PDB file of all heavy atoms in Angstrom:
ATOM      1  N   LEU A   1       0.803  -1.227   0.000  1.00  0.00           N
ATOM      2  CA  LEU A   1       0.000   0.000   0.000  1.00  0.00           C
ATOM      3  C   LEU A   1       0.834   1.275   0.000  1.00  0.00           C
ATOM      4  O   LEU A   1       0.351   2.317  -0.453  1.00  0.00           O
ATOM      5  CB  LEU A   1      -0.932   0.008   1.208  1.00  0.00           C
ATOM      6  CG  LEU A   1      -2.001  -1.094   1.244  1.00  0.00           C
ATOM      7  CD1 LEU A   1      -2.814  -1.004   2.523  1.00  0.00           C
ATOM      8  CD2 LEU A   1      -2.919  -0.985   0.022  1.00  0.00           C
ATOM      9  N   ILE A   2       2.089   1.204   0.486  1.00  0.00           N
ATOM     10  CA  ILE A   2       2.903   2.426   0.562  1.00  0.00           C
ATOM     11  C   ILE A   2       4.223   2.277  -0.184  1.00  0.00           C
ATOM     12  O   ILE A   2       4.499   3.036  -1.119  1.00  0.00           O
ATOM     13  CB  ILE A   2       3.143   2.834   2.029  1.00  0.00           C
ATOM     14  CG1 ILE A   2       1.804   3.160   2.718  1.00  0.00           C
ATOM     15  CG2 ILE A   2       4.067   4.056   2.099  1.00  0.00           C
ATOM     16  CD1 ILE A   2       1.920   3.614   4.152  1.00  0.00           C
ATOM     17  N   SER A   3       5.041   1.302   0.199  1.00  0.00           N
ATOM     18  CA  SER A   3       6.375   1.195  -0.411  1.00  0.00           C
ATOM     19  C   SER A   3       6.313   0.999  -1.923  1.00  0.00           C
ATOM     20  O   SER A   3       7.083   1.605  -2.677  1.00  0.00           O
ATOM     21  CB  SER A   3       7.156   0.041   0.228  1.00  0.00           C
ATOM     22  OG  SER A   3       7.415   0.309   1.587  1.00  0.00           O
ATOM     23  N   ASP A   4       5.396   0.141  -2.374  1.00  0.00           N
ATOM     24  CA  ASP A   4       5.323  -0.164  -3.805  1.00  0.00           C
ATOM     25  C   ASP A   4       4.704   0.964  -4.629  1.00  0.00           C
ATOM     26  O   ASP A   4       4.656   0.884  -5.856  1.00  0.00           O
ATOM     27  CB  ASP A   4       4.512  -1.452  -4.028  1.00  0.00           C
ATOM     28  CG  ASP A   4       5.249  -2.687  -3.560  1.00  0.00           C
ATOM     29  OD1 ASP A   4       6.448  -2.571  -3.233  1.00  0.00           O
ATOM     30  OD2 ASP A   4       4.636  -3.773  -3.508  1.00  0.00           O
ATOM     31  N   GLN A   5       4.230   2.023  -3.940  1.00  0.00           N
ATOM     32  CA  GLN A   5       3.553   3.110  -4.654  1.00  0.00           C
ATOM     33  C   GLN A   5       4.442   4.330  -4.861  1.00  0.00           C
ATOM     34  O   GLN A   5       3.981   5.357  -5.345  1.00  0.00           O
ATOM     35  CB  GLN A   5       2.300   3.533  -3.858  1.00  0.00           C
ATOM     36  CG  GLN A   5       1.289   2.424  -3.626  1.00  0.00           C
ATOM     37  CD  GLN A   5       0.732   1.858  -4.917  1.00  0.00           C
ATOM     38  OE1 GLN A   5       0.493   2.603  -5.880  1.00  0.00           O
ATOM     39  NE2 GLN A   5       0.523   0.548  -4.956  1.00  0.00           N
ATOM     40  N   GLN A   6       5.737   4.227  -4.500  1.00  0.00           N
ATOM     41  CA  GLN A   6       6.598   5.405  -4.562  1.00  0.00           C
ATOM     42  C   GLN A   6       6.789   5.934  -5.986  1.00  0.00           C
ATOM     43  O   GLN A   6       7.087   7.117  -6.166  1.00  0.00           O
ATOM     44  CB  GLN A   6       7.956   5.071  -3.939  1.00  0.00           C
ATOM     45  CG  GLN A   6       7.881   4.591  -2.489  1.00  0.00           C
ATOM     46  CD  GLN A   6       7.201   5.584  -1.563  1.00  0.00           C
ATOM     47  OE1 GLN A   6       7.719   6.655  -1.327  1.00  0.00           O
ATOM     48  NE2 GLN A   6       6.026   5.238  -1.053  1.00  0.00           N
ATOM     49  N   ASP A   7       6.611   5.084  -6.991  1.00  0.00           N
ATOM     50  CA  ASP A   7       6.746   5.523  -8.389  1.00  0.00           C
ATOM     51  C   ASP A   7       5.391   5.800  -9.043  1.00  0.00           C
ATOM     52  O   ASP A   7       5.329   6.074 -10.249  1.00  0.00           O
ATOM     53  CB  ASP A   7       7.496   4.462  -9.204  1.00  0.00           C
ATOM     54  CG  ASP A   7       8.934   4.290  -8.734  1.00  0.00           C
ATOM     55  OD1 ASP A   7       9.525   5.287  -8.286  1.00  0.00           O
ATOM     56  OD2 ASP A   7       9.450   3.153  -8.792  1.00  0.00           O
ATOM     57  N   ASN A   8       4.343   5.743  -8.241  1.00  0.00           N
ATOM     58  CA  ASN A   8       3.006   6.015  -8.770  1.00  0.00           C
ATOM     59  C   ASN A   8       2.899   7.501  -9.141  1.00  0.00           C
ATOM     60  O   ASN A   8       3.124   8.370  -8.296  1.00  0.00           O
ATOM     61  CB  ASN A   8       1.957   5.658  -7.709  1.00  0.00           C
ATOM     62  CG  ASN A   8       0.540   5.689  -8.251  1.00  0.00           C
ATOM     63  OD1 ASN A   8       0.195   6.534  -9.076  1.00  0.00           O
ATOM     64  ND2 ASN A   8      -0.286   4.773  -7.769  1.00  0.00           N
ATOM     65  N   PRO A   9       2.573   7.815 -10.396  1.00  0.00           N
ATOM     66  CA  PRO A   9       2.524   9.225 -10.821  1.00  0.00           C
ATOM     67  C   PRO A   9       1.474  10.045 -10.076  1.00  0.00           C
ATOM     68  O   PRO A   9       1.553  11.279 -10.062  1.00  0.00           O
ATOM     69  CB  PRO A   9       2.203   9.130 -12.320  1.00  0.00           C
ATOM     70  CG  PRO A   9       1.596   7.771 -12.508  1.00  0.00           C
ATOM     71  CD  PRO A   9       2.249   6.884 -11.497  1.00  0.00           C
ATOM     72  N   LYS A  10       0.490   9.389  -9.456  1.00  0.00           N
ATOM     73  CA  LYS A  10      -0.535  10.114  -8.711  1.00  0.00           C
ATOM     74  C   LYS A  10      -0.079  10.472  -7.297  1.00  0.00           C
ATOM     75  O   LYS A  10      -0.758  11.205  -6.589  1.00  0.00           O
ATOM     76  CB  LYS A  10      -1.818   9.288  -8.647  1.00  0.00           C
ATOM     77  CG  LYS A  10      -2.474   9.073 -10.004  1.00  0.00           C
ATOM     78  CD  LYS A  10      -3.775   8.300  -9.875  1.00  0.00           C
ATOM     79  CE  LYS A  10      -4.431   8.107 -11.236  1.00  0.00           C
ATOM     80  NZ  LYS A  10      -5.708   7.339 -11.139  1.00  0.00           N
ATOM     81  N   TRP A  11       1.065   9.919  -6.906  1.00  0.00           N
ATOM     82  CA  TRP A  11       1.617  10.243  -5.590  1.00  0.00           C
ATOM     83  C   TRP A  11       2.638  11.359  -5.745  1.00  0.00           C
ATOM     84  O   TRP A  11       3.448  11.356  -6.670  1.00  0.00           O
ATOM     85  CB  TRP A  11       2.291   9.012  -4.975  1.00  0.00           C
ATOM     86  CG  TRP A  11       1.324   7.956  -4.504  1.00  0.00           C
ATOM     87  CD1 TRP A  11       0.243   7.463  -5.171  1.00  0.00           C
ATOM     88  CD2 TRP A  11       1.371   7.256  -3.263  1.00  0.00           C
ATOM     89  NE1 TRP A  11      -0.394   6.504  -4.441  1.00  0.00           N
ATOM     90  CE2 TRP A  11       0.285   6.350  -3.256  1.00  0.00           C
ATOM     91  CE3 TRP A  11       2.219   7.278  -2.169  1.00  0.00           C
ATOM     92  CZ2 TRP A  11       0.021   5.501  -2.187  1.00  0.00           C
ATOM     93  CZ3 TRP A  11       1.981   6.431  -1.091  1.00  0.00           C
ATOM     94  CH2 TRP A  11       0.884   5.558  -1.109  1.00  0.00           C
ATOM     95  N   GLN A  12       2.627  12.319  -4.842  1.00  0.00           N
ATOM     96  CA  GLN A  12       3.523  13.461  -4.909  1.00  0.00           C
ATOM     97  C   GLN A  12       4.519  13.441  -3.748  1.00  0.00           C
ATOM     98  O   GLN A  12       4.179  13.046  -2.631  1.00  0.00           O
ATOM     99  CB  GLN A  12       2.733  14.770  -4.883  1.00  0.00           C
ATOM    100  CG  GLN A  12       1.808  14.943  -6.078  1.00  0.00           C
ATOM    101  CD  GLN A  12       1.074  16.272  -6.035  1.00  0.00           C
ATOM    102  OE1 GLN A  12       0.879  16.851  -4.965  1.00  0.00           O
ATOM    103  NE2 GLN A  12       0.665  16.750  -7.205  1.00  0.00           N
ATOM    104  N   LYS A  13       5.729  13.882  -4.047  1.00  0.00           N
ATOM    105  CA  LYS A  13       6.750  13.953  -3.003  1.00  0.00           C
ATOM    106  C   LYS A  13       6.539  15.208  -2.172  1.00  0.00           C
ATOM    107  O   LYS A  13       6.319  16.294  -2.705  1.00  0.00           O
ATOM    108  CB  LYS A  13       8.143  13.952  -3.628  1.00  0.00           C
ATOM    109  CG  LYS A  13       9.263  13.807  -2.609  1.00  0.00           C
ATOM    110  CD  LYS A  13      10.624  13.680  -3.305  1.00  0.00           C
ATOM    111  CE  LYS A  13      11.728  13.439  -2.288  1.00  0.00           C
ATOM    112  NZ  LYS A  13      13.058  13.268  -2.942  1.00  0.00           N
ATOM    113  N   ARG A  14       6.582  15.046  -0.857  1.00  0.00           N
ATOM    114  CA  ARG A  14       6.381  16.152   0.064  1.00  0.00           C
ATOM    115  C   ARG A  14       7.478  16.158   1.118  1.00  0.00           C
ATOM    116  O   ARG A  14       7.974  15.111   1.526  1.00  0.00           O
ATOM    117  CB  ARG A  14       5.022  16.042   0.760  1.00  0.00           C
ATOM    118  CG  ARG A  14       3.827  16.296  -0.144  1.00  0.00           C
ATOM    119  CD  ARG A  14       3.595  17.801  -0.291  1.00  0.00           C
ATOM    120  NE  ARG A  14       2.391  18.066  -1.056  1.00  0.00           N
ATOM    121  CZ  ARG A  14       2.342  18.266  -2.373  1.00  0.00           C
ATOM    122  NH1 ARG A  14       3.465  18.203  -3.077  1.00  0.00           N
ATOM    123  NH2 ARG A  14       1.212  18.506  -2.971  1.00  0.00           N
ATOM    124  N   LYS A  15       7.836  17.328   1.585  1.00  0.00           N
ATOM    125  CA  LYS A  15       8.640  17.462   2.782  1.00  0.00           C
ATOM    126  C   LYS A  15       7.693  17.685   3.948  1.00  0.00           C
ATOM    127  O   LYS A  15       6.639  18.333   3.798  1.00  0.00           O
ATOM    128  CB  LYS A  15       9.622  18.635   2.658  1.00  0.00           C
ATOM    129  CG  LYS A  15      10.779  18.374   1.724  1.00  0.00           C
ATOM    130  CD  LYS A  15      11.768  19.534   1.748  1.00  0.00           C
ATOM    131  CE  LYS A  15      12.956  19.243   0.847  1.00  0.00           C
ATOM    132  NZ  LYS A  15      13.928  20.374   0.854  1.00  0.00           N
ATOM    133  N   LEU A  16       8.072  17.162   5.104  1.00  0.00           N
ATOM    134  CA  LEU A  16       7.180  17.282   6.254  1.00  0.00           C
ATOM    135  C   LEU A  16       6.868  18.738   6.557  1.00  0.00           C
ATOM    136  O   LEU A  16       5.734  19.087   6.918  1.00  0.00           O
ATOM    137  CB  LEU A  16       7.820  16.609   7.476  1.00  0.00           C
ATOM    138  CG  LEU A  16       6.961  16.533   8.750  1.00  0.00           C
ATOM    139  CD1 LEU A  16       5.664  15.780   8.479  1.00  0.00           C
ATOM    140  CD2 LEU A  16       7.739  15.867   9.883  1.00  0.00           C
ATOM    141  N   GLY A  17       7.854  19.600   6.377  1.00  0.00           N
ATOM    142  CA  GLY A  17       7.636  21.018   6.655  1.00  0.00           C
ATOM    143  C   GLY A  17       6.614  21.676   5.743  1.00  0.00           C
ATOM    144  O   GLY A  17       6.116  22.768   6.057  1.00  0.00           O
ATOM    145  N   ASP A  18       6.273  21.031   4.602  1.00  0.00           N
ATOM    146  CA  ASP A  18       5.255  21.582   3.700  1.00  0.00           C
ATOM    147  C   ASP A  18       3.848  21.389   4.253  1.00  0.00           C
ATOM    148  O   ASP A  18       2.916  22.115   3.864  1.00  0.00           O
ATOM    149  CB  ASP A  18       5.341  20.912   2.321  1.00  0.00           C
ATOM    150  CG  ASP A  18       6.659  21.193   1.619  1.00  0.00           C
ATOM    151  OD1 ASP A  18       7.279  22.230   1.930  1.00  0.00           O
ATOM    152  OD2 ASP A  18       7.059  20.370   0.767  1.00  0.00           O
ATOM    153  N   VAL A  19       3.691  20.379   5.092  1.00  0.00           N
ATOM    154  CA  VAL A  19       2.346  20.029   5.548  1.00  0.00           C
ATOM    155  C   VAL A  19       2.265  19.906   7.076  1.00  0.00           C
ATOM    156  O   VAL A  19       1.263  19.448   7.614  1.00  0.00           O
ATOM    157  CB  VAL A  19       1.900  18.687   4.915  1.00  0.00           C
ATOM    158  CG1 VAL A  19       1.595  18.865   3.440  1.00  0.00           C
ATOM    159  CG2 VAL A  19       2.959  17.610   5.120  1.00  0.00           C
ATOM    160  N   ALA A  20       3.318  20.336   7.777  1.00  0.00           N
ATOM    161  CA  ALA A  20       3.322  20.199   9.236  1.00  0.00           C
ATOM    162  C   ALA A  20       4.279  21.220   9.844  1.00  0.00           C
ATOM    163  O   ALA A  20       5.058  21.865   9.136  1.00  0.00           O
ATOM    164  CB  ALA A  20       3.738  18.781   9.625  1.00  0.00           C
ATOM    165  N   TRP A  21       4.215  21.354  11.161  1.00  0.00           N
ATOM    166  CA  TRP A  21       5.094  22.283  11.868  1.00  0.00           C
ATOM    167  C   TRP A  21       5.375  21.747  13.275  1.00  0.00           C
ATOM    168  O   TRP A  21       4.627  20.932  13.804  1.00  0.00           O
ATOM    169  CB  TRP A  21       4.464  23.676  11.939  1.00  0.00           C
ATOM    170  CG  TRP A  21       3.142  23.710  12.664  1.00  0.00           C
ATOM    171  CD1 TRP A  21       2.922  23.976  13.981  1.00  0.00           C
ATOM    172  CD2 TRP A  21       1.854  23.451  12.098  1.00  0.00           C
ATOM    173  NE1 TRP A  21       1.593  23.914  14.288  1.00  0.00           N
ATOM    174  CE2 TRP A  21       0.905  23.593  13.141  1.00  0.00           C
ATOM    175  CE3 TRP A  21       1.404  23.116  10.799  1.00  0.00           C
ATOM    176  CZ2 TRP A  21      -0.456  23.398  12.940  1.00  0.00           C
ATOM    177  CZ3 TRP A  21       0.049  22.928  10.608  1.00  0.00           C
ATOM    178  CH2 TRP A  21      -0.864  23.072  11.662  1.00  0.00           C
ATOM    179  N   VAL A  22       6.487  22.217  13.834  1.00  0.00           N
ATOM    180  CA  VAL A  22       6.839  21.828  15.197  1.00  0.00           C
ATOM    181  C   VAL A  22       5.956  22.597  16.167  1.00  0.00           C
ATOM    182  O   VAL A  22       5.842  23.823  16.071  1.00  0.00           O
ATOM    183  CB  VAL A  22       8.328  22.123  15.493  1.00  0.00           C
ATOM    184  CG1 VAL A  22       8.651  21.839  16.960  1.00  0.00           C
ATOM    185  CG2 VAL A  22       9.224  21.295  14.585  1.00  0.00           C
ATOM    186  N   ALA A  23       5.313  21.875  17.064  1.00  0.00           N
ATOM    187  CA  ALA A  23       4.421  22.501  18.038  1.00  0.00           C
ATOM    188  C   ALA A  23       5.239  23.350  19.009  1.00  0.00           C
ATOM    189  O   ALA A  23       6.165  22.851  19.658  1.00  0.00           O
ATOM    190  CB  ALA A  23       3.646  21.427  18.801  1.00  0.00           C
ATOM    191  N   LYS A  24       4.939  24.632  19.088  1.00  0.00           N
ATOM    192  CA  LYS A  24       5.623  25.540  19.994  1.00  0.00           C
ATOM    193  C   LYS A  24       4.779  25.731  21.254  1.00  0.00           C
ATOM    194  O   LYS A  24       3.636  26.180  21.184  1.00  0.00           O
ATOM    195  CB  LYS A  24       5.874  26.889  19.318  1.00  0.00           C
ATOM    196  CG  LYS A  24       6.733  26.791  18.058  1.00  0.00           C
ATOM    197  CD  LYS A  24       8.144  26.292  18.381  1.00  0.00           C
ATOM    198  CE  LYS A  24       9.011  26.256  17.127  1.00  0.00           C
ATOM    199  NZ  LYS A  24      10.363  25.727  17.419  1.00  0.00           N
ATOM    200  N   LYS A  25       5.352  25.399  22.391  1.00  0.00           N
ATOM    201  CA  LYS A  25       4.601  25.480  23.648  1.00  0.00           C
ATOM    202  C   LYS A  25       5.496  26.012  24.744  1.00  0.00           C
ATOM    203  O   LYS A  25       6.728  25.927  24.671  1.00  0.00           O
ATOM    204  CB  LYS A  25       4.071  24.095  24.031  1.00  0.00           C
ATOM    205  CG  LYS A  25       3.084  23.528  23.025  1.00  0.00           C
ATOM    206  CD  LYS A  25       2.582  22.172  23.459  1.00  0.00           C
ATOM    207  CE  LYS A  25       1.596  21.621  22.437  1.00  0.00           C
ATOM    208  NZ  LYS A  25       1.094  20.290  22.812  1.00  0.00           N
ATOM    209  N   LYS A  26       4.886  26.550  25.776  1.00  0.00           N
ATOM    210  CA  LYS A  26       5.637  27.037  26.924  1.00  0.00           C
ATOM    211  C   LYS A  26       6.005  25.877  27.832  1.00  0.00           C
ATOM    212  O   LYS A  26       5.204  24.970  28.051  1.00  0.00           O
ATOM    213  CB  LYS A  26       4.794  28.052  27.701  1.00  0.00           C
ATOM    214  CG  LYS A  26       4.543  29.350  26.943  1.00  0.00           C
ATOM    215  CD  LYS A  26       3.750  30.319  27.803  1.00  0.00           C
ATOM    216  CE  LYS A  26       3.524  31.638  27.062  1.00  0.00           C
ATOM    217  NZ  LYS A  26       2.755  32.608  27.883  1.00  0.00           N
ATOM    218  N   PRO A  27       7.217  25.908  28.376  1.00  0.00           N
ATOM    219  CA  PRO A  27       7.605  24.848  29.322  1.00  0.00           C
ATOM    220  C   PRO A  27       6.673  24.828  30.531  1.00  0.00           C
ATOM    221  O   PRO A  27       6.158  25.865  30.963  1.00  0.00           O
ATOM    222  CB  PRO A  27       9.026  25.247  29.726  1.00  0.00           C
ATOM    223  CG  PRO A  27       9.513  26.135  28.623  1.00  0.00           C
ATOM    224  CD  PRO A  27       8.303  26.862  28.123  1.00  0.00           C
ATOM    225  N   MET A  28       6.455  23.627  31.076  1.00  0.00           N
ATOM    226  CA  MET A  28       5.606  23.476  32.251  1.00  0.00           C
ATOM    227  C   MET A  28       6.285  24.136  33.457  1.00  0.00           C
ATOM    228  O   MET A  28       7.493  24.000  33.660  1.00  0.00           O
ATOM    229  CB  MET A  28       5.374  21.993  32.539  1.00  0.00           C
ATOM    230  CG  MET A  28       4.692  21.234  31.424  1.00  0.00           C
ATOM    231  SD  MET A  28       2.965  21.714  31.210  1.00  0.00           S
ATOM    232  CE  MET A  28       2.277  21.216  32.789  1.00  0.00           C
ATOM    233  N   GLN A  29       5.484  24.819  34.266  1.00  0.00           N
ATOM    234  CA  GLN A  29       5.993  25.451  35.482  1.00  0.00           C
ATOM    235  C   GLN A  29       5.675  24.646  36.732  1.00  0.00           C
ATOM    236  O   GLN A  29       6.263  24.870  37.795  1.00  0.00           O
ATOM    237  CB  GLN A  29       5.395  26.865  35.611  1.00  0.00           C
ATOM    238  CG  GLN A  29       5.737  27.788  34.456  1.00  0.00           C
ATOM    239  CD  GLN A  29       7.235  27.977  34.292  1.00  0.00           C
ATOM    240  OE1 GLN A  29       7.954  28.200  35.265  1.00  0.00           O
ATOM    241  NE2 GLN A  29       7.713  27.881  33.054  1.00  0.00           N
ATOM    242  N   ASN A  30       4.749  23.713  36.600  1.00  0.00           N
ATOM    243  CA  ASN A  30       4.341  22.891  37.748  1.00  0.00           C
ATOM    244  C   ASN A  30       4.097  21.465  37.255  1.00  0.00           C
ATOM    245  O   ASN A  30       3.245  21.237  36.403  1.00  0.00           O
ATOM    246  CB  ASN A  30       3.077  23.473  38.386  1.00  0.00           C
ATOM    247  CG  ASN A  30       2.663  22.716  39.636  1.00  0.00           C
ATOM    248  OD1 ASN A  30       3.293  21.725  40.018  1.00  0.00           O
ATOM    249  ND2 ASN A  30       1.614  23.188  40.293  1.00  0.00           N
ATOM    250  N   LEU A  31       4.845  20.501  37.811  1.00  0.00           N
ATOM    251  CA  LEU A  31       4.727  19.122  37.358  1.00  0.00           C
ATOM    252  C   LEU A  31       3.990  18.235  38.352  1.00  0.00           C
ATOM    253  O   LEU A  31       3.971  17.014  38.192  1.00  0.00           O
ATOM    254  CB  LEU A  31       6.125  18.537  37.112  1.00  0.00           C
ATOM    255  CG  LEU A  31       6.972  19.225  36.036  1.00  0.00           C
ATOM    256  CD1 LEU A  31       8.293  18.494  35.861  1.00  0.00           C
ATOM    257  CD2 LEU A  31       6.229  19.286  34.716  1.00  0.00           C
ATOM    258  N   SER A  32       3.377  18.816  39.360  1.00  0.00           N
ATOM    259  CA  SER A  32       2.678  18.000  40.352  1.00  0.00           C
ATOM    260  C   SER A  32       1.534  17.233  39.697  1.00  0.00           C
ATOM    261  O   SER A  32       0.759  17.790  38.910  1.00  0.00           O
ATOM    262  CB  SER A  32       2.137  18.883  41.483  1.00  0.00           C
ATOM    263  OG  SER A  32       1.228  19.845  40.976  1.00  0.00           O
ATOM    264  N   ASP A  33       1.458  15.945  40.028  1.00  0.00           N
ATOM    265  CA  ASP A  33       0.420  15.042  39.498  1.00  0.00           C
ATOM    266  C   ASP A  33       0.463  14.897  37.983  1.00  0.00           C
ATOM    267  O   ASP A  33      -0.525  14.496  37.361  1.00  0.00           O
ATOM    268  CB  ASP A  33      -0.988  15.514  39.926  1.00  0.00           C
ATOM    269  CG  ASP A  33      -1.163  15.543  41.422  1.00  0.00           C
ATOM    270  OD1 ASP A  33      -0.610  14.644  42.082  1.00  0.00           O
ATOM    271  OD2 ASP A  33      -1.835  16.461  41.932  1.00  0.00           O
ATOM    272  N   ARG A  34       1.592  15.215  37.398  1.00  0.00           N
ATOM    273  CA  ARG A  34       1.746  15.052  35.955  1.00  0.00           C
ATOM    274  C   ARG A  34       2.466  13.738  35.661  1.00  0.00           C
ATOM    275  O   ARG A  34       3.461  13.409  36.300  1.00  0.00           O
ATOM    276  CB  ARG A  34       2.547  16.212  35.361  1.00  0.00           C
ATOM    277  CG  ARG A  34       1.777  17.527  35.338  1.00  0.00           C
ATOM    278  CD  ARG A  34       0.733  17.520  34.251  1.00  0.00           C
ATOM    279  NE  ARG A  34       0.115  18.814  34.078  1.00  0.00           N
ATOM    280  CZ  ARG A  34      -0.577  19.179  33.016  1.00  0.00           C
ATOM    281  NH1 ARG A  34      -0.738  18.320  32.020  1.00  0.00           N
ATOM    282  NH2 ARG A  34      -1.116  20.365  32.927  1.00  0.00           N
TER     283      ARG A  34
END
């Protein structure tokens, strides 16, 4: 379903950064009960 389809003309090559981003969050200040 995936590996054998890499040469399929209907499949397009993408970089992860084209369709995703690194989640930016503030560091935790309190870890109690975490």
